[in-house]
N, C-alpha and C. Protein backbone atom coordinates (compact mmCIF):
# COMPACT_ATOMS: atom_id res chain seq x y z
N MET A 1 -14.17 -53.75 -15.32
CA MET A 1 -15.59 -53.95 -15.54
C MET A 1 -16.18 -52.72 -16.20
N GLY A 2 -15.97 -51.56 -15.68
CA GLY A 2 -16.48 -50.34 -16.28
C GLY A 2 -17.94 -50.11 -15.97
N ILE A 3 -18.36 -48.89 -16.23
CA ILE A 3 -19.76 -48.53 -16.00
C ILE A 3 -20.62 -49.24 -17.03
N PRO A 4 -21.67 -49.96 -16.59
CA PRO A 4 -22.52 -50.65 -17.55
C PRO A 4 -23.39 -49.68 -18.33
N HIS A 5 -23.52 -49.92 -19.61
CA HIS A 5 -24.34 -49.09 -20.48
C HIS A 5 -25.49 -49.90 -21.03
N PHE A 6 -26.63 -49.27 -21.17
CA PHE A 6 -27.83 -49.94 -21.65
C PHE A 6 -27.63 -50.45 -23.08
N LYS A 7 -26.85 -49.74 -23.86
CA LYS A 7 -26.62 -50.12 -25.25
C LYS A 7 -25.91 -51.47 -25.35
N ASP A 8 -25.15 -51.84 -24.33
CA ASP A 8 -24.40 -53.09 -24.36
C ASP A 8 -25.28 -54.33 -24.22
N ILE A 9 -26.45 -54.19 -23.63
CA ILE A 9 -27.28 -55.38 -23.37
C ILE A 9 -28.46 -55.52 -24.31
N ILE A 10 -28.67 -54.58 -25.20
CA ILE A 10 -29.82 -54.63 -26.10
C ILE A 10 -29.76 -55.84 -27.02
N SER A 11 -28.58 -56.22 -27.44
CA SER A 11 -28.44 -57.30 -28.41
C SER A 11 -28.63 -58.69 -27.79
N LEU A 12 -28.73 -58.79 -26.47
CA LEU A 12 -28.89 -60.08 -25.82
C LEU A 12 -30.30 -60.64 -26.03
N SER A 13 -30.40 -61.96 -26.08
CA SER A 13 -31.71 -62.60 -26.16
C SER A 13 -32.31 -62.67 -24.75
N ASN A 14 -33.58 -63.05 -24.67
CA ASN A 14 -34.25 -63.13 -23.36
C ASN A 14 -33.59 -64.16 -22.45
N THR A 15 -33.16 -65.29 -23.00
CA THR A 15 -32.50 -66.30 -22.15
C THR A 15 -31.14 -65.81 -21.68
N GLU A 16 -30.42 -65.09 -22.54
CA GLU A 16 -29.13 -64.54 -22.13
C GLU A 16 -29.32 -63.48 -21.05
N ILE A 17 -30.39 -62.71 -21.17
CA ILE A 17 -30.69 -61.69 -20.14
C ILE A 17 -31.00 -62.37 -18.82
N SER A 18 -31.80 -63.44 -18.85
CA SER A 18 -32.14 -64.16 -17.62
C SER A 18 -30.89 -64.73 -16.96
N GLU A 19 -29.99 -65.29 -17.77
CA GLU A 19 -28.74 -65.82 -17.23
C GLU A 19 -27.88 -64.70 -16.64
N ALA A 20 -27.85 -63.56 -17.32
CA ALA A 20 -27.07 -62.42 -16.82
C ALA A 20 -27.65 -61.88 -15.52
N ILE A 21 -28.98 -61.92 -15.38
CA ILE A 21 -29.62 -61.48 -14.14
C ILE A 21 -29.17 -62.37 -12.98
N ILE A 22 -29.20 -63.67 -13.19
CA ILE A 22 -28.78 -64.61 -12.14
C ILE A 22 -27.31 -64.41 -11.79
N GLU A 23 -26.48 -64.24 -12.81
CA GLU A 23 -25.05 -64.03 -12.59
C GLU A 23 -24.79 -62.73 -11.82
N THR A 24 -25.51 -61.68 -12.18
CA THR A 24 -25.32 -60.38 -11.52
C THR A 24 -25.81 -60.42 -10.07
N GLU A 25 -26.93 -61.13 -9.83
CA GLU A 25 -27.42 -61.27 -8.46
C GLU A 25 -26.42 -62.02 -7.60
N ASN A 26 -25.80 -63.06 -8.16
CA ASN A 26 -24.78 -63.81 -7.41
C ASN A 26 -23.56 -62.94 -7.14
N GLU A 27 -23.17 -62.14 -8.12
CA GLU A 27 -22.04 -61.23 -7.94
C GLU A 27 -22.34 -60.20 -6.86
N LEU A 28 -23.55 -59.66 -6.87
CA LEU A 28 -23.95 -58.67 -5.87
C LEU A 28 -23.97 -59.29 -4.47
N PHE A 29 -24.46 -60.52 -4.36
CA PHE A 29 -24.44 -61.22 -3.08
C PHE A 29 -23.02 -61.39 -2.58
N SER A 30 -22.13 -61.78 -3.48
CA SER A 30 -20.73 -61.98 -3.11
C SER A 30 -20.09 -60.68 -2.63
N LEU A 31 -20.38 -59.59 -3.32
CA LEU A 31 -19.83 -58.30 -2.92
C LEU A 31 -20.37 -57.85 -1.56
N ARG A 32 -21.66 -58.06 -1.34
CA ARG A 32 -22.24 -57.70 -0.04
C ARG A 32 -21.67 -58.56 1.08
N PHE A 33 -21.42 -59.83 0.78
CA PHE A 33 -20.84 -60.72 1.77
C PHE A 33 -19.42 -60.28 2.11
N LYS A 34 -18.66 -59.89 1.09
CA LYS A 34 -17.31 -59.38 1.34
C LYS A 34 -17.34 -58.13 2.20
N LYS A 35 -18.32 -57.26 1.94
CA LYS A 35 -18.44 -56.03 2.72
C LYS A 35 -18.77 -56.36 4.17
N ALA A 36 -19.70 -57.29 4.38
CA ALA A 36 -20.12 -57.64 5.75
C ALA A 36 -19.01 -58.30 6.54
N THR A 37 -18.14 -59.06 5.87
CA THR A 37 -17.06 -59.75 6.56
C THR A 37 -15.76 -58.96 6.53
N ARG A 38 -15.84 -57.72 6.07
CA ARG A 38 -14.72 -56.79 6.03
C ARG A 38 -13.52 -57.31 5.21
N GLN A 39 -13.84 -58.02 4.14
CA GLN A 39 -12.79 -58.44 3.21
C GLN A 39 -12.54 -57.30 2.23
N THR A 40 -11.41 -57.35 1.58
CA THR A 40 -11.09 -56.28 0.63
C THR A 40 -11.88 -56.47 -0.66
N PHE A 41 -12.44 -55.38 -1.15
CA PHE A 41 -13.18 -55.38 -2.41
C PHE A 41 -13.25 -53.95 -2.89
N LYS A 42 -13.62 -53.79 -4.14
CA LYS A 42 -13.76 -52.46 -4.71
C LYS A 42 -15.20 -52.02 -4.52
N SER A 43 -15.40 -51.00 -3.71
CA SER A 43 -16.75 -50.60 -3.32
C SER A 43 -17.60 -50.11 -4.48
N HIS A 44 -16.98 -49.59 -5.52
CA HIS A 44 -17.76 -49.10 -6.66
C HIS A 44 -18.40 -50.25 -7.44
N GLU A 45 -17.90 -51.47 -7.27
CA GLU A 45 -18.47 -52.61 -7.98
C GLU A 45 -19.89 -52.93 -7.52
N ILE A 46 -20.22 -52.59 -6.27
CA ILE A 46 -21.60 -52.79 -5.78
C ILE A 46 -22.54 -51.89 -6.58
N LYS A 47 -22.15 -50.64 -6.76
CA LYS A 47 -22.98 -49.69 -7.52
C LYS A 47 -23.14 -50.17 -8.96
N TYR A 48 -22.06 -50.62 -9.58
CA TYR A 48 -22.13 -51.08 -10.96
C TYR A 48 -23.01 -52.33 -11.09
N ALA A 49 -22.91 -53.24 -10.13
CA ALA A 49 -23.72 -54.46 -10.17
C ALA A 49 -25.21 -54.13 -10.01
N LYS A 50 -25.52 -53.21 -9.11
CA LYS A 50 -26.92 -52.80 -8.93
C LYS A 50 -27.46 -52.16 -10.20
N ARG A 51 -26.66 -51.32 -10.81
CA ARG A 51 -27.09 -50.64 -12.03
C ARG A 51 -27.31 -51.63 -13.17
N ARG A 52 -26.37 -52.55 -13.33
CA ARG A 52 -26.50 -53.56 -14.39
C ARG A 52 -27.74 -54.43 -14.15
N LEU A 53 -27.99 -54.81 -12.91
CA LEU A 53 -29.15 -55.62 -12.58
C LEU A 53 -30.44 -54.88 -12.93
N ALA A 54 -30.50 -53.62 -12.60
CA ALA A 54 -31.68 -52.82 -12.92
C ALA A 54 -31.88 -52.71 -14.43
N GLN A 55 -30.80 -52.53 -15.17
CA GLN A 55 -30.90 -52.43 -16.62
C GLN A 55 -31.38 -53.73 -17.23
N LEU A 56 -30.85 -54.85 -16.76
CA LEU A 56 -31.25 -56.15 -17.28
C LEU A 56 -32.73 -56.42 -17.00
N LYS A 57 -33.16 -56.14 -15.78
CA LYS A 57 -34.56 -56.38 -15.43
C LYS A 57 -35.49 -55.46 -16.20
N THR A 58 -35.08 -54.23 -16.42
CA THR A 58 -35.90 -53.29 -17.19
C THR A 58 -36.07 -53.77 -18.62
N LEU A 59 -34.99 -54.17 -19.25
CA LEU A 59 -35.05 -54.64 -20.63
C LEU A 59 -35.91 -55.89 -20.75
N LEU A 60 -35.76 -56.82 -19.83
CA LEU A 60 -36.56 -58.05 -19.88
C LEU A 60 -38.04 -57.73 -19.69
N THR A 61 -38.36 -56.83 -18.77
CA THR A 61 -39.76 -56.44 -18.55
C THR A 61 -40.35 -55.79 -19.79
N ILE A 62 -39.61 -54.92 -20.43
CA ILE A 62 -40.09 -54.27 -21.65
C ILE A 62 -40.37 -55.30 -22.73
N ARG A 63 -39.47 -56.24 -22.89
CA ARG A 63 -39.65 -57.25 -23.93
C ARG A 63 -40.83 -58.16 -23.65
N LEU A 64 -41.06 -58.48 -22.40
CA LEU A 64 -42.16 -59.39 -22.06
C LEU A 64 -43.52 -58.70 -22.10
N LYS A 65 -43.56 -57.41 -21.81
CA LYS A 65 -44.84 -56.68 -21.81
C LYS A 65 -45.29 -56.28 -23.20
N GLN A 66 -44.36 -56.11 -24.13
CA GLN A 66 -44.70 -55.65 -25.47
C GLN A 66 -44.14 -56.59 -26.53
N PRO A 67 -44.64 -57.81 -26.62
CA PRO A 67 -44.08 -58.76 -27.58
C PRO A 67 -44.43 -58.45 -29.03
N ASP A 68 -45.50 -57.67 -29.27
CA ASP A 68 -45.94 -57.41 -30.63
C ASP A 68 -45.14 -56.32 -31.34
N LEU A 69 -44.46 -55.45 -30.61
CA LEU A 69 -43.66 -54.39 -31.23
C LEU A 69 -42.27 -54.91 -31.54
N ASN A 70 -41.66 -54.36 -32.58
CA ASN A 70 -40.29 -54.76 -32.85
C ASN A 70 -39.35 -54.06 -31.88
N GLU A 71 -38.14 -54.53 -31.81
CA GLU A 71 -37.21 -54.04 -30.79
C GLU A 71 -36.87 -52.56 -30.95
N LYS A 72 -36.78 -52.09 -32.16
CA LYS A 72 -36.43 -50.68 -32.38
C LYS A 72 -37.51 -49.76 -31.82
N ASP A 73 -38.79 -50.11 -32.04
CA ASP A 73 -39.89 -49.28 -31.54
C ASP A 73 -39.95 -49.27 -30.02
N ARG A 74 -39.67 -50.42 -29.40
CA ARG A 74 -39.73 -50.51 -27.95
C ARG A 74 -38.65 -49.68 -27.28
N LEU A 75 -37.48 -49.64 -27.86
CA LEU A 75 -36.33 -49.03 -27.19
C LEU A 75 -36.02 -47.62 -27.66
N THR A 76 -36.81 -47.11 -28.58
CA THR A 76 -36.55 -45.78 -29.12
C THR A 76 -36.58 -44.72 -28.03
N ASN A 77 -37.53 -44.80 -27.12
CA ASN A 77 -37.67 -43.79 -26.08
C ASN A 77 -36.71 -43.99 -24.92
N LEU A 78 -36.13 -45.16 -24.79
CA LEU A 78 -35.25 -45.43 -23.65
C LEU A 78 -33.82 -44.96 -23.86
N ILE A 79 -33.36 -44.98 -25.10
CA ILE A 79 -31.97 -44.66 -25.37
C ILE A 79 -31.88 -43.29 -26.05
N PRO A 80 -31.22 -42.35 -25.39
CA PRO A 80 -31.04 -41.04 -26.03
C PRO A 80 -30.05 -41.15 -27.17
N ASN A 81 -30.24 -40.34 -28.17
CA ASN A 81 -29.34 -40.37 -29.34
C ASN A 81 -28.07 -39.64 -29.09
């Protein structure tokens, strides 16, 4: 899976982001359930899922709050060069 990067999700459309949010929430639920029932899982995947979920929600919020700006202007301050 690897560490999620913000640059990887910029190209997604709003509907793809919404679908990814639902998928990531389900994955996070599954990981938490495995932890609670003491099943084997990779503990770092919880951290990665939380981070990816936060990135997806942040990007969707930015896009919905500033529809008049183009994507480059909106994301210029978020991604370091």
